[in-house]
C-alpha cells in the first residue's frame, strides 16, 4: 500500500558511496527560489530510477518494495479484525507522481502529496475477526489494490551532528492514504470453503470503503514506520549539504 512514499528517500536522489549524487540524478539548491518545484521534479525523476534500488546504500528495490511483515489490529467499530501479513510486496510505487512538495529545511520538515495510479499490496496473511455481524477468518494470499491512491507525507526531522557534518534524521514520518477505490481479495478464507470465501470477497468489495476506512489508520502507522526506516538509510548516511546543495 502505500505510496510514493519513499518520497524523501527519493528526493535525495540518493547519494553514491562518495556522498555525492549520481551524475544522472537531478540536483536542487537550498537557495533556489523555486526549490519546491525543483524537489518535486527531482523526486519524480529519482523514483523512476529507483526500480532496482541502490545496493551501495542499502536502498531496497522499489519495484516491488519488499516488506518482511506488518501486523494490523482493529478493535472497535463495525470492523474488528486481527491481520498478520508476511512476505509483503508493494507494487506501483515507481509510477507515483508528486503533486506538491514543500520543504522547510530550517525546521527540518518535508511535506509532499503524491498520487499512484495503481498500488498493489500482495502478501501472505492470517486473519480473524468480524465485519459488521459476519465472522471472518482465513490464511492464504491477500491482494489489496488501491486505485488512484493519494498519499500525504509529512516528514519531521532533527539535526544530528557527526564529525563536523549535519545530518537530517527523520524522527517522525506520517502518511495519510486517500484511495479513490479499493479492491480486496483474500484466498483460502474459511479454511478453503470456496462458496463462503467467494461470498465474503464479494461482500468485502461491496463494503470496501467501510472496511478500508476502519483499518486505514493501522495500515498508515505500519507503513509509515517502513518508510521512515528506509528514508533514514539515506539521511543518516549523507550530510544535508550533500542532499540539498548549499552553493
C-alpha atoms as a PDB file:
ATOM      1  CA  UNK A   1       0.000   0.000   0.000  1.00  0.00           C
ATOM      2  CA  UNK A   2       1.017   2.980   0.003  1.00  0.00           C
ATOM      3  CA  UNK A   3       2.781   5.079  -1.938  1.00  0.00           C
ATOM      4  CA  UNK A   4       5.432   7.145  -3.429  1.00  0.00           C
ATOM      5  CA  UNK A   5       6.127   7.359  -0.211  1.00  0.00           C
ATOM      6  CA  UNK A   6       9.540   6.892  -0.019  1.00  0.00           C
ATOM      7  CA  UNK A   7       9.387  10.343  -1.249  1.00  0.00           C
ATOM      8  CA  UNK A   8      12.037  11.843   0.810  1.00  0.00           C
ATOM      9  CA  UNK A   9      14.243   8.933   0.282  1.00  0.00           C
ATOM     10  CA  UNK A  10      13.852   9.679  -3.349  1.00  0.00           C
ATOM     11  CA  UNK A  11      14.222  13.371  -3.125  1.00  0.00           C
ATOM     12  CA  UNK A  12      17.639  12.829  -2.159  1.00  0.00           C
ATOM     13  CA  UNK A  13      18.213  11.267  -5.243  1.00  0.00           C
ATOM     14  CA  UNK A  14      20.266   9.188  -3.163  1.00  0.00           C
ATOM     15  CA  UNK A  15      23.865   9.722  -2.844  1.00  0.00           C
ATOM     16  CA  UNK A  16      26.546   7.425  -4.054  1.00  0.00           C
ATOM     17  CA  UNK A  17      29.196   5.847  -1.872  1.00  0.00           C
ATOM     18  CA  UNK A  18      31.300   9.019  -2.040  1.00  0.00           C
ATOM     19  CA  UNK A  19      28.398  11.064  -0.603  1.00  0.00           C
ATOM     20  CA  UNK A  20      27.694  12.781  -3.888  1.00  0.00           C
ATOM     21  CA  UNK A  21      24.693  12.460  -6.120  1.00  0.00           C
ATOM     22  CA  UNK A  22      24.973  10.187  -9.153  1.00  0.00           C
ATOM     23  CA  UNK A  23      25.564  12.148 -12.308  1.00  0.00           C
ATOM     24  CA  UNK A  24      22.162  11.253 -13.758  1.00  0.00           C
ATOM     25  CA  UNK A  25      20.179  12.489 -10.750  1.00  0.00           C
ATOM     26  CA  UNK A  26      18.736  15.983 -10.648  1.00  0.00           C
ATOM     27  CA  UNK A  27      20.180  18.320  -8.028  1.00  0.00           C
ATOM     28  CA  UNK A  28      18.395  21.049  -6.055  1.00  0.00           C
ATOM     29  CA  UNK A  29      19.985  24.028  -4.338  1.00  0.00           C
ATOM     30  CA  UNK A  30      18.775  25.308  -0.977  1.00  0.00           C
ATOM     31  CA  UNK A  31      18.776  28.947  -2.123  1.00  0.00           C
ATOM     32  CA  UNK A  32      16.843  28.252  -5.311  1.00  0.00           C
ATOM     33  CA  UNK A  33      13.742  30.472  -5.340  1.00  0.00           C
ATOM     34  CA  UNK A  34      11.900  27.525  -6.872  1.00  0.00           C
ATOM     35  CA  UNK A  35      13.318  24.892  -4.536  1.00  0.00           C
ATOM     36  CA  UNK A  36       9.991  23.134  -4.066  1.00  0.00           C
ATOM     37  CA  UNK A  37       9.420  22.853  -7.809  1.00  0.00           C
ATOM     38  CA  UNK A  38      12.939  21.517  -8.225  1.00  0.00           C
ATOM     39  CA  UNK A  39      12.439  18.918  -5.496  1.00  0.00           C
ATOM     40  CA  UNK A  40       9.126  17.803  -6.944  1.00  0.00           C
ATOM     41  CA  UNK A  41      10.807  17.195 -10.288  1.00  0.00           C
ATOM     42  CA  UNK A  42      13.889  15.587  -8.719  1.00  0.00           C
ATOM     43  CA  UNK A  43      11.830  13.176  -6.643  1.00  0.00           C
ATOM     44  CA  UNK A  44       9.778  12.089  -9.633  1.00  0.00           C
ATOM     45  CA  UNK A  45      12.950  11.562 -11.671  1.00  0.00           C
ATOM     46  CA  UNK A  46      14.642   9.640  -8.852  1.00  0.00           C
ATOM     47  CA  UNK A  47      11.594   7.480  -8.309  1.00  0.00           C
ATOM     48  CA  UNK A  48      11.669   6.248 -11.888  1.00  0.00           C
ATOM     49  CA  UNK A  49      15.342   5.388 -11.498  1.00  0.00           C
ATOM     50  CA  UNK A  50      14.832   3.572  -8.202  1.00  0.00           C
ATOM     51  CA  UNK A  51      13.135   0.473  -9.576  1.00  0.00           C
ATOM     52  CA  UNK A  52      16.155  -1.720  -8.834  1.00  0.00           C
ATOM     53  CA  UNK A  53      17.282   0.145  -5.721  1.00  0.00           C
ATOM     54  CA  UNK A  54      20.824   1.260  -4.868  1.00  0.00           C
ATOM     55  CA  UNK A  55      22.698  -1.625  -3.203  1.00  0.00           C
ATOM     56  CA  UNK A  56      25.700   0.523  -2.233  1.00  0.00           C
ATOM     57  CA  UNK A  57      23.454   2.500   0.124  1.00  0.00           C
ATOM     58  CA  UNK A  58      21.306  -0.445   1.211  1.00  0.00           C
ATOM     59  CA  UNK A  59      18.404   1.205  -0.576  1.00  0.00           C
ATOM     60  CA  UNK A  60      15.972  -1.594  -1.423  1.00  0.00           C
ATOM     61  CA  UNK A  61      14.464  -2.419  -4.767  1.00  0.00           C
ATOM     62  CA  UNK A  62      11.392  -0.271  -5.242  1.00  0.00           C
ATOM     63  CA  UNK A  63       9.533  -2.364  -7.792  1.00  0.00           C
ATOM     64  CA  UNK A  64       8.270  -4.158  -5.951  1.00  0.00           C
ATOM     65  CA  UNK A  65       9.193  -2.920  -2.498  1.00  0.00           C
ATOM     66  CA  UNK A  66       9.586  -5.887  -0.143  1.00  0.00           C
ATOM     67  CA  UNK A  67       8.475  -5.632   3.492  1.00  0.00           C
ATOM     68  CA  UNK A  68       9.090  -8.531   5.863  1.00  0.00           C
ATOM     69  CA  UNK A  69       5.921  -8.268   7.958  1.00  0.00           C
ATOM     70  CA  UNK A  70       3.325  -5.985   9.488  1.00  0.00           C
ATOM     71  CA  UNK A  71       0.524  -6.567  11.971  1.00  0.00           C
ATOM     72  CA  UNK A  72      -2.839  -4.810  11.727  1.00  0.00           C
ATOM     73  CA  UNK A  73      -5.299  -4.617  14.602  1.00  0.00           C
ATOM     74  CA  UNK A  74      -8.743  -3.059  14.699  1.00  0.00           C
ATOM     75  CA  UNK A  75     -10.595  -3.403  17.965  1.00  0.00           C
ATOM     76  CA  UNK A  76     -13.561  -1.066  17.695  1.00  0.00           C
ATOM     77  CA  UNK A  77     -16.422  -0.123  15.409  1.00  0.00           C
ATOM     78  CA  UNK A  78     -18.098  -2.339  12.815  1.00  0.00           C
ATOM     79  CA  UNK A  79     -14.810  -3.940  11.753  1.00  0.00           C
ATOM     80  CA  UNK A  80     -12.893  -5.898  14.389  1.00  0.00           C
ATOM     81  CA  UNK A  81     -10.059  -7.833  12.754  1.00  0.00           C
ATOM     82  CA  UNK A  82      -6.561  -9.013  13.588  1.00  0.00           C
ATOM     83  CA  UNK A  83      -4.381  -9.352  10.485  1.00  0.00           C
ATOM     84  CA  UNK A  84      -0.808 -10.595  10.216  1.00  0.00           C
ATOM     85  CA  UNK A  85       0.976 -10.061   6.900  1.00  0.00           C
ATOM     86  CA  UNK A  86       4.311 -11.550   5.810  1.00  0.00           C
ATOM     87  CA  UNK A  87       6.372 -11.569   2.605  1.00  0.00           C
ATOM     88  CA  UNK A  88       4.770  -8.297   1.533  1.00  0.00           C
ATOM     89  CA  UNK A  89       5.295  -6.864  -1.933  1.00  0.00           C
ATOM     90  CA  UNK A  90       4.210  -3.326  -2.762  1.00  0.00           C
ATOM     91  CA  UNK A  91       3.767  -2.814  -6.497  1.00  0.00           C
ATOM     92  CA  UNK A  92       3.297   0.551  -8.196  1.00  0.00           C
ATOM     93  CA  UNK A  93       5.422   2.951  -6.143  1.00  0.00           C
ATOM     94  CA  UNK A  94       7.659   3.890  -9.057  1.00  0.00           C
ATOM     95  CA  UNK A  95       4.637   5.032 -11.083  1.00  0.00           C
ATOM     96  CA  UNK A  96       3.759   7.652  -8.488  1.00  0.00           C
ATOM     97  CA  UNK A  97       3.606  11.323  -9.386  1.00  0.00           C
ATOM     98  CA  UNK A  98       4.177  14.190  -6.974  1.00  0.00           C
ATOM     99  CA  UNK A  99       1.554  16.910  -6.999  1.00  0.00           C
ATOM    100  CA  UNK A 100       3.045  19.173  -4.311  1.00  0.00           C
ATOM    101  CA  UNK A 101       6.316  19.492  -2.417  1.00  0.00           C
ATOM    102  CA  UNK A 102       7.074  21.838   0.485  1.00  0.00           C
ATOM    103  CA  UNK A 103      10.479  21.862   2.133  1.00  0.00           C
ATOM    104  CA  UNK A 104      11.214  23.855   5.304  1.00  0.00           C
ATOM    105  CA  UNK A 105      14.865  22.993   5.742  1.00  0.00           C
ATOM    106  CA  UNK A 106      15.367  25.400   8.650  1.00  0.00           C
ATOM    107  CA  UNK A 107      12.755  23.431  10.574  1.00  0.00           C
ATOM    108  CA  UNK A 108      13.906  20.078   9.141  1.00  0.00           C
ATOM    109  CA  UNK A 109      10.482  19.355   7.714  1.00  0.00           C
ATOM    110  CA  UNK A 110       9.367  17.976   4.348  1.00  0.00           C
ATOM    111  CA  UNK A 111       5.767  17.673   3.161  1.00  0.00           C
ATOM    112  CA  UNK A 112       4.559  16.279  -0.118  1.00  0.00           C
ATOM    113  CA  UNK A 113       1.489  14.837  -1.795  1.00  0.00           C
ATOM    114  CA  UNK A 114       1.687  12.044  -4.340  1.00  0.00           C
ATOM    115  CA  UNK A 115      -0.724  10.059  -6.453  1.00  0.00           C
ATOM    116  CA  UNK A 116      -0.226   6.447  -7.510  1.00  0.00           C
ATOM    117  CA  UNK A 117      -2.471   5.174 -10.325  1.00  0.00           C
ATOM    118  CA  UNK A 118      -2.482   1.605  -9.003  1.00  0.00           C
ATOM    119  CA  UNK A 119      -0.913   0.379  -5.782  1.00  0.00           C
ATOM    120  CA  UNK A 120      -0.991  -3.341  -5.070  1.00  0.00           C
ATOM    121  CA  UNK A 121      -0.308  -4.797  -1.642  1.00  0.00           C
ATOM    122  CA  UNK A 122       0.269  -8.553  -2.023  1.00  0.00           C
ATOM    123  CA  UNK A 123       1.196 -10.710   0.965  1.00  0.00           C
ATOM    124  CA  UNK A 124       0.730 -13.939   2.863  1.00  0.00           C
ATOM    125  CA  UNK A 125      -1.913 -13.293   5.501  1.00  0.00           C
ATOM    126  CA  UNK A 126      -3.539 -14.719   8.597  1.00  0.00           C
ATOM    127  CA  UNK A 127      -6.793 -13.034   9.611  1.00  0.00           C
ATOM    128  CA  UNK A 128      -9.516 -13.456  12.206  1.00  0.00           C
ATOM    129  CA  UNK A 129     -12.370 -11.237  13.355  1.00  0.00           C
ATOM    130  CA  UNK A 130     -15.712  -9.907  12.239  1.00  0.00           C
ATOM    131  CA  UNK A 131     -17.128  -7.361   9.808  1.00  0.00           C
ATOM    132  CA  UNK A 132     -20.457  -5.953  10.944  1.00  0.00           C
ATOM    133  CA  UNK A 133     -22.114  -9.143  12.269  1.00  0.00           C
ATOM    134  CA  UNK A 134     -20.247 -11.549   9.980  1.00  0.00           C
ATOM    135  CA  UNK A 135     -17.285 -13.603  11.242  1.00  0.00           C
ATOM    136  CA  UNK A 136     -14.240 -13.802   9.001  1.00  0.00           C
ATOM    137  CA  UNK A 137     -11.099 -15.922   9.211  1.00  0.00           C
ATOM    138  CA  UNK A 138      -8.551 -17.287   6.814  1.00  0.00           C
ATOM    139  CA  UNK A 139      -4.934 -17.956   5.921  1.00  0.00           C
ATOM    140  CA  UNK A 140      -3.641 -17.510   2.389  1.00  0.00           C
ATOM    141  CA  UNK A 141      -2.665 -14.750  -0.034  1.00  0.00           C
ATOM    142  CA  UNK A 142      -4.105 -11.234   0.205  1.00  0.00           C
ATOM    143  CA  UNK A 143      -4.300  -8.687  -2.598  1.00  0.00           C
ATOM    144  CA  UNK A 144      -5.318  -5.167  -1.607  1.00  0.00           C
ATOM    145  CA  UNK A 145      -5.358  -2.882  -4.633  1.00  0.00           C
ATOM    146  CA  UNK A 146      -5.804   0.864  -4.304  1.00  0.00           C
ATOM    147  CA  UNK A 147      -6.780   2.840  -7.396  1.00  0.00           C
ATOM    148  CA  UNK A 148      -5.663   6.476  -7.798  1.00  0.00           C
ATOM    149  CA  UNK A 149      -4.146   6.489  -4.335  1.00  0.00           C
ATOM    150  CA  UNK A 150      -3.347   9.939  -2.953  1.00  0.00           C
ATOM    151  CA  UNK A 151      -0.717   9.836  -0.216  1.00  0.00           C
ATOM    152  CA  UNK A 152       0.043  12.798   2.027  1.00  0.00           C
ATOM    153  CA  UNK A 153       3.548  12.617   3.502  1.00  0.00           C
ATOM    154  CA  UNK A 154       4.762  14.653   6.480  1.00  0.00           C
ATOM    155  CA  UNK A 155       8.382  14.112   7.489  1.00  0.00           C
ATOM    156  CA  UNK A 156       9.652  15.707  10.682  1.00  0.00           C
ATOM    157  CA  UNK A 157      13.400  15.677  11.126  1.00  0.00           C
ATOM    158  CA  UNK A 158      16.030  16.817  13.556  1.00  0.00           C
ATOM    159  CA  UNK A 159      19.694  17.786  13.134  1.00  0.00           C
ATOM    160  CA  UNK A 160      22.375  15.295  14.120  1.00  0.00           C
ATOM    161  CA  UNK A 161      25.993  16.485  14.029  1.00  0.00           C
ATOM    162  CA  UNK A 162      28.772  13.963  13.457  1.00  0.00           C
ATOM    163  CA  UNK A 163      32.384  14.694  12.561  1.00  0.00           C
ATOM    164  CA  UNK A 164      31.506  18.310  11.834  1.00  0.00           C
ATOM    165  CA  UNK A 165      28.726  17.376   9.408  1.00  0.00           C
ATOM    166  CA  UNK A 166      24.991  17.933   9.940  1.00  0.00           C
ATOM    167  CA  UNK A 167      22.615  15.113   9.068  1.00  0.00           C
ATOM    168  CA  UNK A 168      18.825  15.323   8.918  1.00  0.00           C
ATOM    169  CA  UNK A 169      17.499  12.362  10.895  1.00  0.00           C
ATOM    170  CA  UNK A 170      13.786  11.696  10.360  1.00  0.00           C
ATOM    171  CA  UNK A 171      12.264  11.174  13.790  1.00  0.00           C
ATOM    172  CA  UNK A 172       8.659  11.022  12.624  1.00  0.00           C
ATOM    173  CA  UNK A 173       7.116  10.087   9.269  1.00  0.00           C
ATOM    174  CA  UNK A 174       3.362  10.441   8.938  1.00  0.00           C
ATOM    175  CA  UNK A 175       1.273   9.362   5.971  1.00  0.00           C
ATOM    176  CA  UNK A 176      -2.396   9.590   5.064  1.00  0.00           C
ATOM    177  CA  UNK A 177      -3.922   7.317   2.418  1.00  0.00           C
ATOM    178  CA  UNK A 178      -6.828   8.558   0.295  1.00  0.00           C
ATOM    179  CA  UNK A 179      -7.713   5.995  -2.384  1.00  0.00           C
ATOM    180  CA  UNK A 180     -10.373   6.597  -4.990  1.00  0.00           C
ATOM    181  CA  UNK A 181     -11.278   2.917  -4.897  1.00  0.00           C
ATOM    182  CA  UNK A 182     -10.129  -0.190  -3.016  1.00  0.00           C
ATOM    183  CA  UNK A 183     -10.303  -3.764  -4.317  1.00  0.00           C
ATOM    184  CA  UNK A 184      -9.927  -6.620  -1.822  1.00  0.00           C
ATOM    185  CA  UNK A 185      -9.242 -10.298  -2.396  1.00  0.00           C
ATOM    186  CA  UNK A 186      -8.299 -12.929   0.180  1.00  0.00           C
ATOM    187  CA  UNK A 187      -7.636 -16.502  -0.920  1.00  0.00           C
ATOM    188  CA  UNK A 188      -8.441 -19.530   1.240  1.00  0.00           C
ATOM    189  CA  UNK A 189     -10.976 -17.875   3.513  1.00  0.00           C
ATOM    190  CA  UNK A 190     -12.830 -20.167   5.905  1.00  0.00           C
ATOM    191  CA  UNK A 191     -10.298 -22.985   5.529  1.00  0.00           C
ATOM    192  CA  UNK A 192     -10.703 -23.098   1.778  1.00  0.00           C
ATOM    193  CA  UNK A 193     -14.500 -23.209   1.631  1.00  0.00           C
ATOM    194  CA  UNK A 194     -14.884 -21.740  -1.876  1.00  0.00           C
ATOM    195  CA  UNK A 195     -18.549 -20.839  -1.581  1.00  0.00           C
ATOM    196  CA  UNK A 196     -18.125 -18.962   1.699  1.00  0.00           C
ATOM    197  CA  UNK A 197     -14.837 -17.441   0.545  1.00  0.00           C
ATOM    198  CA  UNK A 198     -16.315 -16.147  -2.720  1.00  0.00           C
ATOM    199  CA  UNK A 199     -19.309 -14.702  -0.892  1.00  0.00           C
ATOM    200  CA  UNK A 200     -17.096 -12.964   1.645  1.00  0.00           C
ATOM    201  CA  UNK A 201     -14.851 -11.454  -1.049  1.00  0.00           C
ATOM    202  CA  UNK A 202     -17.955 -10.122  -2.808  1.00  0.00           C
ATOM    203  CA  UNK A 203     -19.196  -8.693   0.487  1.00  0.00           C
ATOM    204  CA  UNK A 204     -15.794  -7.128   1.215  1.00  0.00           C
ATOM    205  CA  UNK A 205     -15.723  -5.354  -2.134  1.00  0.00           C
ATOM    206  CA  UNK A 206     -19.309  -4.175  -1.835  1.00  0.00           C
ATOM    207  CA  UNK A 207     -18.303  -2.634   1.502  1.00  0.00           C
ATOM    208  CA  UNK A 208     -14.663  -1.845   0.716  1.00  0.00           C
ATOM    209  CA  UNK A 209     -14.886   1.799   1.714  1.00  0.00           C
ATOM    210  CA  UNK A 210     -16.219   0.899   5.162  1.00  0.00           C
ATOM    211  CA  UNK A 211     -13.693  -1.904   5.645  1.00  0.00           C
ATOM    212  CA  UNK A 212     -10.706   0.117   4.489  1.00  0.00           C
ATOM    213  CA  UNK A 213     -11.629   3.231   6.467  1.00  0.00           C
ATOM    214  CA  UNK A 214     -11.880   1.184   9.649  1.00  0.00           C
ATOM    215  CA  UNK A 215      -8.420  -0.322   9.090  1.00  0.00           C
ATOM    216  CA  UNK A 216      -6.737   2.616   7.375  1.00  0.00           C
ATOM    217  CA  UNK A 217      -5.105   4.125  10.455  1.00  0.00           C
ATOM    218  CA  UNK A 218      -3.391   0.833  11.284  1.00  0.00           C
ATOM    219  CA  UNK A 219      -2.119   0.492   7.708  1.00  0.00           C
ATOM    220  CA  UNK A 220      -0.860   4.081   7.774  1.00  0.00           C
ATOM    221  CA  UNK A 221       1.024   3.619  11.040  1.00  0.00           C
ATOM    222  CA  UNK A 222       2.605   0.350   9.944  1.00  0.00           C
ATOM    223  CA  UNK A 223       3.753   1.618   6.560  1.00  0.00           C
ATOM    224  CA  UNK A 224       4.895   4.961   7.986  1.00  0.00           C
ATOM    225  CA  UNK A 225       7.395   3.020  10.064  1.00  0.00           C
ATOM    226  CA  UNK A 226       8.606   1.180   6.959  1.00  0.00           C
ATOM    227  CA  UNK A 227       9.044   4.426   5.026  1.00  0.00           C
ATOM    228  CA  UNK A 228      10.828   6.087   7.945  1.00  0.00           C
ATOM    229  CA  UNK A 229      13.336   3.240   8.225  1.00  0.00           C
ATOM    230  CA  UNK A 230      14.079   3.295   4.510  1.00  0.00           C
ATOM    231  CA  UNK A 231      14.402   7.075   4.411  1.00  0.00           C
ATOM    232  CA  UNK A 232      16.857   7.133   7.300  1.00  0.00           C
ATOM    233  CA  UNK A 233      19.092   4.680   5.481  1.00  0.00           C
ATOM    234  CA  UNK A 234      19.923   7.703   3.330  1.00  0.00           C
ATOM    235  CA  UNK A 235      19.531  10.635   5.666  1.00  0.00           C
ATOM    236  CA  UNK A 236      21.643   9.082   8.421  1.00  0.00           C
ATOM    237  CA  UNK A 237      24.494   8.472   5.949  1.00  0.00           C
ATOM    238  CA  UNK A 238      24.518  11.526   3.718  1.00  0.00           C
ATOM    239  CA  UNK A 239      25.051  15.051   5.123  1.00  0.00           C
ATOM    240  CA  UNK A 240      22.306  17.569   4.464  1.00  0.00           C
ATOM    241  CA  UNK A 241      24.528  19.762   2.324  1.00  0.00           C
ATOM    242  CA  UNK A 242      25.140  16.818   0.002  1.00  0.00           C
ATOM    243  CA  UNK A 243      21.404  16.225  -0.333  1.00  0.00           C
ATOM    244  CA  UNK A 244      20.219  19.809  -0.504  1.00  0.00           C
ATOM    245  CA  UNK A 245      23.098  21.624  -2.193  1.00  0.00           C
ATOM    246  CA  UNK A 246      24.188  24.822  -0.414  1.00  0.00           C
ATOM    247  CA  UNK A 247      26.160  26.548  -3.176  1.00  0.00           C
END
